[in-house]
């Protein structure tokens, strides 16, 4: 009986980025992502938690609220049991885009 060769599993990660492509393009300005310095330069109203400058929901390049950033903020807030932030993100999603967090945005 011939023995089967067992292949070792590798843990190599192929080109994993910190942000999805849609968010990465949104934050790029001159090839740089939203760094701490740039985060401090943005107005506090761009964030759901303005004093700590956490949970950005406004696209810094256009100055308009982003559906991608709001859903990301909602999911991150739920993940860390920040229900106040999640409720705020859900309210803004409803106001600006007319959708709930679990709903997908319809293409026109």
N, C-alpha and C. Protein backbone atom coordinates (compact mmCIF):
# COMPACT_ATOMS: atom_id res chain seq x y z
N UNK A 1 0.82 -1.18 0.00
CA UNK A 1 0.00 0.00 0.00
C UNK A 1 0.87 1.25 0.00
N UNK A 2 0.58 2.15 -0.90
CA UNK A 2 1.34 3.40 -0.98
C UNK A 2 0.76 4.43 0.00
N UNK A 3 1.67 5.13 0.64
CA UNK A 3 1.24 6.16 1.58
C UNK A 3 0.94 7.45 0.83
N UNK A 4 -0.11 8.13 1.27
CA UNK A 4 -0.43 9.42 0.68
C UNK A 4 0.43 10.50 1.31
N UNK A 5 0.87 11.39 0.47
CA UNK A 5 1.68 12.49 0.95
C UNK A 5 0.76 13.54 1.58
N UNK A 6 1.05 13.94 2.81
CA UNK A 6 0.24 14.94 3.51
C UNK A 6 0.87 16.30 3.30
N UNK A 7 0.05 17.22 2.86
CA UNK A 7 0.53 18.57 2.58
C UNK A 7 0.39 19.45 3.82
N UNK A 8 1.43 20.18 4.15
CA UNK A 8 1.36 21.08 5.29
C UNK A 8 0.53 22.31 4.93
N UNK A 9 -0.26 22.75 5.90
CA UNK A 9 -1.05 23.96 5.68
C UNK A 9 -0.17 25.17 5.99
N UNK A 10 -0.21 26.12 5.08
CA UNK A 10 0.55 27.34 5.30
C UNK A 10 -0.38 28.43 5.78
N UNK A 11 0.16 29.35 6.50
CA UNK A 11 -0.65 30.46 7.02
C UNK A 11 -0.31 31.76 6.31
N UNK A 12 0.11 31.66 5.09
CA UNK A 12 0.47 32.84 4.32
C UNK A 12 -0.78 33.62 3.92
N UNK A 13 -0.74 34.90 4.11
CA UNK A 13 -1.87 35.76 3.75
C UNK A 13 -1.51 36.49 2.48
N UNK A 14 -2.41 36.46 1.52
CA UNK A 14 -2.14 37.11 0.24
C UNK A 14 -2.67 38.54 0.25
N UNK A 15 -1.78 39.48 0.26
CA UNK A 15 -2.10 40.88 0.02
C UNK A 15 -3.36 41.35 0.77
N UNK A 16 -3.42 41.11 2.05
CA UNK A 16 -4.57 41.54 2.83
C UNK A 16 -4.41 43.01 3.21
N UNK A 17 -5.44 43.78 2.94
CA UNK A 17 -5.42 45.20 3.24
C UNK A 17 -6.24 45.47 4.49
N UNK A 18 -5.93 46.57 5.16
CA UNK A 18 -6.65 46.94 6.36
C UNK A 18 -8.07 47.39 6.05
N UNK A 19 -8.26 48.07 4.93
CA UNK A 19 -9.56 48.59 4.53
C UNK A 19 -10.03 47.91 3.25
N UNK A 20 -11.35 47.81 3.06
CA UNK A 20 -11.85 47.36 1.76
C UNK A 20 -11.48 48.39 0.70
N UNK A 21 -11.46 47.97 -0.55
CA UNK A 21 -11.05 48.86 -1.63
C UNK A 21 -11.90 50.12 -1.71
N UNK A 22 -13.22 49.97 -1.47
CA UNK A 22 -14.11 51.12 -1.57
C UNK A 22 -13.75 52.18 -0.53
N UNK A 23 -13.42 51.75 0.70
CA UNK A 23 -13.05 52.70 1.74
C UNK A 23 -11.64 53.24 1.53
N UNK A 24 -10.77 52.41 1.01
CA UNK A 24 -9.38 52.82 0.79
C UNK A 24 -9.33 53.97 -0.23
N UNK A 25 -10.09 53.84 -1.31
CA UNK A 25 -10.12 54.89 -2.32
C UNK A 25 -10.70 56.17 -1.74
N UNK A 26 -11.68 56.01 -0.86
CA UNK A 26 -12.36 57.15 -0.29
C UNK A 26 -11.42 58.00 0.58
N UNK A 27 -10.52 57.34 1.30
CA UNK A 27 -9.66 58.05 2.23
C UNK A 27 -8.34 58.48 1.62
N UNK A 28 -8.07 58.08 0.40
CA UNK A 28 -6.78 58.42 -0.19
C UNK A 28 -6.76 59.88 -0.62
N UNK A 29 -5.70 60.54 -0.24
CA UNK A 29 -5.46 61.91 -0.69
C UNK A 29 -3.96 62.00 -0.87
N UNK A 30 -3.53 61.99 -2.08
CA UNK A 30 -2.10 61.99 -2.34
C UNK A 30 -1.45 60.68 -1.95
N UNK A 31 -2.22 59.57 -2.01
CA UNK A 31 -1.69 58.25 -1.71
C UNK A 31 -1.67 57.90 -0.24
N UNK A 32 -2.22 58.77 0.64
CA UNK A 32 -2.19 58.50 2.07
C UNK A 32 -3.58 58.19 2.59
N UNK A 33 -3.65 57.28 3.56
CA UNK A 33 -4.91 56.97 4.20
C UNK A 33 -5.19 57.99 5.29
N UNK A 34 -6.30 57.84 5.96
CA UNK A 34 -6.67 58.75 7.04
C UNK A 34 -5.76 58.48 8.24
N UNK A 35 -4.74 59.28 8.36
CA UNK A 35 -3.78 59.12 9.44
C UNK A 35 -4.25 59.89 10.67
N UNK A 36 -3.55 59.75 11.78
CA UNK A 36 -3.91 60.47 12.99
C UNK A 36 -3.82 61.98 12.78
N UNK A 37 -2.81 62.41 12.08
CA UNK A 37 -2.64 63.84 11.83
C UNK A 37 -3.81 64.39 11.01
N UNK A 38 -4.16 63.67 9.96
CA UNK A 38 -5.26 64.11 9.10
C UNK A 38 -6.60 64.02 9.85
N UNK A 39 -6.74 63.04 10.71
CA UNK A 39 -7.95 62.88 11.51
C UNK A 39 -8.14 64.09 12.43
N UNK A 40 -7.03 64.58 12.99
CA UNK A 40 -7.09 65.76 13.86
C UNK A 40 -7.45 67.02 13.08
N UNK A 41 -7.05 67.07 11.81
CA UNK A 41 -7.32 68.25 10.99
C UNK A 41 -8.78 68.33 10.54
N UNK A 42 -9.46 67.19 10.46
CA UNK A 42 -10.86 67.18 10.01
C UNK A 42 -11.77 67.80 11.06
N UNK A 43 -12.89 68.38 10.64
CA UNK A 43 -13.84 68.93 11.60
C UNK A 43 -14.43 67.83 12.48
N UNK A 44 -14.74 68.18 13.72
CA UNK A 44 -15.28 67.20 14.67
C UNK A 44 -16.63 66.67 14.22
N UNK A 45 -17.37 67.44 13.43
CA UNK A 45 -18.71 67.00 12.99
C UNK A 45 -18.65 65.84 11.99
N UNK A 46 -17.47 65.48 11.51
CA UNK A 46 -17.32 64.35 10.60
C UNK A 46 -17.37 63.00 11.32
N UNK A 47 -17.40 63.01 12.65
CA UNK A 47 -17.30 61.79 13.44
C UNK A 47 -18.54 61.58 14.30
N UNK A 48 -18.87 60.33 14.56
CA UNK A 48 -20.00 60.01 15.44
C UNK A 48 -19.63 60.22 16.91
N UNK A 49 -18.36 60.11 17.22
CA UNK A 49 -17.87 60.39 18.57
C UNK A 49 -16.86 61.53 18.44
N UNK A 50 -17.36 62.79 18.38
CA UNK A 50 -16.50 63.91 17.99
C UNK A 50 -15.36 64.24 18.95
N UNK A 51 -15.55 64.09 20.25
CA UNK A 51 -14.48 64.45 21.19
C UNK A 51 -13.26 63.55 21.04
N UNK A 52 -13.49 62.27 20.76
CA UNK A 52 -12.39 61.32 20.60
C UNK A 52 -12.03 61.12 19.13
N UNK A 53 -12.79 61.74 18.24
CA UNK A 53 -12.61 61.61 16.79
C UNK A 53 -12.62 60.15 16.34
N UNK A 54 -13.65 59.45 16.77
CA UNK A 54 -13.83 58.05 16.39
C UNK A 54 -15.09 57.90 15.55
N UNK A 55 -15.14 56.84 14.76
CA UNK A 55 -16.28 56.50 13.92
C UNK A 55 -16.57 57.59 12.87
N UNK A 56 -15.68 57.80 11.90
CA UNK A 56 -15.95 58.79 10.85
C UNK A 56 -17.11 58.33 9.97
N UNK A 57 -17.96 59.28 9.60
CA UNK A 57 -19.07 58.91 8.71
C UNK A 57 -19.19 59.85 7.52
N UNK A 58 -18.37 60.89 7.46
CA UNK A 58 -18.38 61.82 6.34
C UNK A 58 -17.12 61.58 5.51
N UNK A 59 -17.30 61.50 4.21
CA UNK A 59 -16.17 61.34 3.30
C UNK A 59 -15.32 62.61 3.35
N UNK A 60 -14.05 62.51 3.75
CA UNK A 60 -13.23 63.72 3.89
C UNK A 60 -12.94 64.42 2.57
N UNK A 61 -13.04 63.73 1.47
CA UNK A 61 -12.74 64.35 0.17
C UNK A 61 -13.93 65.14 -0.37
N UNK A 62 -15.15 64.69 -0.09
CA UNK A 62 -16.33 65.37 -0.61
C UNK A 62 -17.07 66.17 0.44
N UNK A 63 -16.93 65.81 1.71
CA UNK A 63 -17.65 66.50 2.77
C UNK A 63 -19.08 66.04 2.92
N UNK A 64 -19.43 64.92 2.27
CA UNK A 64 -20.80 64.40 2.34
C UNK A 64 -20.81 63.08 3.11
N UNK A 65 -21.93 62.77 3.78
CA UNK A 65 -22.02 61.48 4.49
C UNK A 65 -21.91 60.31 3.51
N UNK A 66 -21.27 59.24 3.97
CA UNK A 66 -21.05 58.07 3.13
C UNK A 66 -21.81 56.87 3.69
N UNK A 67 -22.52 56.18 2.82
CA UNK A 67 -23.26 54.99 3.25
C UNK A 67 -22.29 53.91 3.72
N UNK A 68 -21.13 53.82 3.09
CA UNK A 68 -20.14 52.82 3.46
C UNK A 68 -19.58 53.08 4.86
N UNK A 69 -19.26 54.33 5.13
CA UNK A 69 -18.71 54.67 6.44
C UNK A 69 -19.75 54.54 7.55
N UNK A 70 -21.00 54.88 7.25
CA UNK A 70 -22.05 54.76 8.27
C UNK A 70 -22.33 53.30 8.61
N UNK A 71 -22.37 52.44 7.59
CA UNK A 71 -22.59 51.01 7.88
C UNK A 71 -21.39 50.42 8.60
N UNK A 72 -20.18 50.87 8.24
CA UNK A 72 -18.98 50.39 8.93
C UNK A 72 -18.99 50.83 10.39
N UNK A 73 -19.39 52.08 10.64
CA UNK A 73 -19.47 52.59 12.01
C UNK A 73 -20.53 51.83 12.81
N UNK A 74 -21.65 51.53 12.16
CA UNK A 74 -22.72 50.79 12.83
C UNK A 74 -22.23 49.39 13.23
N UNK A 75 -21.59 48.72 12.31
CA UNK A 75 -21.11 47.35 12.59
C UNK A 75 -20.03 47.33 13.65
N UNK A 76 -19.10 48.29 13.58
CA UNK A 76 -18.04 48.35 14.57
C UNK A 76 -18.60 48.67 15.95
N UNK A 77 -19.57 49.56 16.03
CA UNK A 77 -20.18 49.92 17.31
C UNK A 77 -20.92 48.72 17.90
N UNK A 78 -21.63 47.96 17.07
CA UNK A 78 -22.33 46.76 17.54
C UNK A 78 -21.33 45.72 18.02
N UNK A 79 -20.21 45.61 17.32
CA UNK A 79 -19.18 44.64 17.66
C UNK A 79 -18.62 44.89 19.06
N UNK A 80 -18.49 46.16 19.42
CA UNK A 80 -17.92 46.53 20.72
C UNK A 80 -18.99 46.97 21.72
N UNK A 81 -20.24 46.62 21.46
CA UNK A 81 -21.37 46.88 22.37
C UNK A 81 -21.53 48.36 22.69
N UNK A 82 -21.31 49.21 21.70
CA UNK A 82 -21.54 50.65 21.84
C UNK A 82 -22.90 50.95 21.22
N UNK A 83 -23.96 50.65 21.95
CA UNK A 83 -25.31 50.78 21.41
C UNK A 83 -25.70 52.22 21.14
N UNK A 84 -25.14 53.17 21.89
CA UNK A 84 -25.44 54.58 21.64
C UNK A 84 -24.92 55.02 20.28
N UNK A 85 -23.71 54.61 19.94
CA UNK A 85 -23.12 54.94 18.65
C UNK A 85 -23.85 54.21 17.53
N UNK A 86 -24.20 52.95 17.77
CA UNK A 86 -24.92 52.16 16.76
C UNK A 86 -26.28 52.79 16.46
N UNK A 87 -26.96 53.27 17.49
CA UNK A 87 -28.27 53.91 17.29
C UNK A 87 -28.12 55.20 16.49
N UNK A 88 -27.08 55.95 16.78
CA UNK A 88 -26.82 57.20 16.06
C UNK A 88 -26.52 56.93 14.59
N UNK A 89 -25.72 55.89 14.32
CA UNK A 89 -25.39 55.52 12.94
C UNK A 89 -26.63 55.06 12.20
N UNK A 90 -27.49 54.28 12.87
CA UNK A 90 -28.72 53.79 12.25
C UNK A 90 -29.66 54.96 11.93
N UNK A 91 -29.73 55.93 12.84
CA UNK A 91 -30.58 57.11 12.64
C UNK A 91 -30.09 57.93 11.44
N UNK A 92 -28.77 58.09 11.33
CA UNK A 92 -28.21 58.85 10.20
C UNK A 92 -28.37 58.11 8.88
N UNK A 93 -28.25 56.78 8.91
CA UNK A 93 -28.50 55.98 7.69
C UNK A 93 -29.93 56.19 7.20
N UNK A 94 -30.85 56.19 8.13
CA UNK A 94 -32.26 56.38 7.77
C UNK A 94 -32.48 57.79 7.23
N UNK A 95 -31.86 58.79 7.87
CA UNK A 95 -32.06 60.18 7.47
C UNK A 95 -31.48 60.48 6.09
N UNK A 96 -30.22 60.10 5.88
CA UNK A 96 -29.53 60.47 4.64
C UNK A 96 -29.81 59.53 3.47
N UNK A 97 -29.98 58.24 3.75
CA UNK A 97 -30.09 57.27 2.65
C UNK A 97 -31.41 56.51 2.63
N UNK A 98 -32.22 56.63 3.67
CA UNK A 98 -33.52 55.98 3.71
C UNK A 98 -33.45 54.47 3.85
N UNK A 99 -32.38 53.97 4.46
CA UNK A 99 -32.24 52.52 4.64
C UNK A 99 -31.94 52.21 6.10
N UNK A 100 -32.20 50.97 6.47
CA UNK A 100 -31.82 50.49 7.80
C UNK A 100 -30.47 49.80 7.67
N UNK A 101 -29.75 49.59 8.77
CA UNK A 101 -28.39 49.03 8.67
C UNK A 101 -28.29 47.68 7.97
N UNK A 102 -29.28 46.80 8.10
CA UNK A 102 -29.20 45.50 7.46
C UNK A 102 -29.61 45.51 6.01
N UNK A 103 -30.19 46.58 5.56
CA UNK A 103 -30.74 46.69 4.21
C UNK A 103 -29.66 47.11 3.23
N UNK A 104 -29.75 46.61 2.02
CA UNK A 104 -28.81 47.04 0.98
C UNK A 104 -29.37 48.21 0.22
N UNK A 105 -28.48 49.05 -0.22
CA UNK A 105 -28.90 50.23 -0.98
C UNK A 105 -29.21 49.83 -2.41
N UNK A 106 -30.34 50.30 -2.90
CA UNK A 106 -30.74 49.97 -4.28
C UNK A 106 -29.98 50.83 -5.26
N UNK A 107 -29.59 50.20 -6.36
CA UNK A 107 -28.92 50.97 -7.43
C UNK A 107 -29.96 51.60 -8.31
N UNK A 108 -29.67 52.78 -8.78
CA UNK A 108 -30.63 53.49 -9.64
C UNK A 108 -30.27 53.39 -11.08
